[in-house]
Amino acid sequence: MAWHYSTAELARKARTVTATIASASAHGNAEAHREARAEMAALRIESTIRSEAGYLDEDRLNRLADLMFEVDQK
């Protein structure tokens, strides 16, 4: 599935992370593979937020910030 990134910078970072995932997978480095997959998820979330930012009201933004804080604490 192709992913559309909201900025060229995010697309560039995604290409780099995709290469890291492929390399880690090819070399059997499970830890690096997991970290790169987490980075890719973060890039996709950031891209989605940037794309939809105009549709997010203050309550939704606050809930999102709370969720991000909870995840960061784990």
Protein backbone atom coordinates (compact mmCIF):
# COMPACT_ATOMS: atom_id res chain seq x y z
CA MET A 1 0.00 0.00 0.00
CA ALA A 2 1.42 3.35 -1.01
CA TRP A 3 1.37 6.07 1.61
CA HIS A 4 0.99 9.75 0.78
CA TYR A 5 3.14 11.94 3.02
CA SER A 6 2.00 15.49 3.73
CA THR A 7 5.43 17.05 3.16
CA ALA A 8 8.47 16.31 1.03
CA GLU A 9 10.59 16.14 4.18
CA LEU A 10 8.40 13.40 5.66
CA ALA A 11 8.53 11.50 2.37
CA ARG A 12 12.34 11.72 2.38
CA LYS A 13 12.51 10.47 5.97
CA ALA A 14 10.13 7.63 5.09
CA ARG A 15 12.39 6.50 2.23
CA THR A 16 15.35 6.45 4.61
CA VAL A 17 13.41 4.47 7.22
CA THR A 18 12.15 2.05 4.57
CA ALA A 19 15.76 1.34 3.59
CA THR A 20 16.64 0.83 7.26
CA ILE A 21 13.76 -1.64 7.69
CA ALA A 22 14.89 -3.60 4.62
CA SER A 23 18.50 -3.66 5.75
CA ALA A 24 17.69 -4.69 9.31
CA SER A 25 15.38 -7.41 8.03
CA ALA A 26 17.99 -8.72 5.60
CA HIS A 27 20.61 -8.86 8.35
CA GLY A 28 18.29 -10.42 10.92
CA ASN A 29 18.61 -7.46 13.29
CA ALA A 30 15.25 -7.68 15.09
CA GLU A 31 15.92 -4.72 17.41
CA ALA A 32 16.83 -2.33 14.58
CA HIS A 33 13.85 -3.63 12.58
CA ARG A 34 11.47 -2.92 15.49
CA GLU A 35 12.91 0.57 16.02
CA ALA A 36 12.65 1.41 12.33
CA ARG A 37 9.04 0.16 12.19
CA ALA A 38 8.23 2.37 15.19
CA GLU A 39 9.87 5.33 13.43
CA MET A 40 7.78 4.62 10.31
CA ALA A 41 4.61 4.56 12.40
CA ALA A 42 5.57 7.91 13.95
CA LEU A 43 6.16 9.41 10.49
CA ARG A 44 2.77 8.20 9.28
CA ILE A 45 1.04 9.59 12.36
CA GLU A 46 2.81 12.94 11.95
CA SER A 47 1.88 13.06 8.27
CA THR A 48 -1.76 12.29 9.03
CA ILE A 49 -1.92 14.96 11.71
CA ARG A 50 -0.36 17.54 9.38
CA SER A 51 -2.84 16.61 6.61
CA GLU A 52 -5.85 16.76 8.89
CA ALA A 53 -4.76 19.63 11.15
CA GLY A 54 -7.30 22.03 9.71
CA TYR A 55 -10.09 19.67 10.74
CA LEU A 56 -8.97 19.13 14.33
CA ASP A 57 -10.64 21.27 16.94
CA GLU A 58 -9.05 22.16 20.29
CA ASP A 59 -10.64 19.22 22.16
CA ARG A 60 -9.37 16.70 19.62
CA LEU A 61 -5.90 18.22 19.66
CA ASN A 62 -5.85 18.04 23.46
CA ARG A 63 -6.94 14.38 23.41
CA LEU A 64 -4.24 13.64 20.87
CA ALA A 65 -1.62 15.39 23.01
CA ASP A 66 -2.77 13.39 26.05
CA LEU A 67 -2.51 10.13 24.10
CA MET A 68 0.96 10.99 22.85
CA PHE A 69 2.04 11.78 26.42
CA GLU A 70 0.66 8.42 27.65
CA VAL A 71 2.50 6.51 24.91
CA ASP A 72 5.72 8.42 25.59
CA GLN A 73 5.56 7.44 29.27
CA LYS A 74 5.41 3.69 28.51
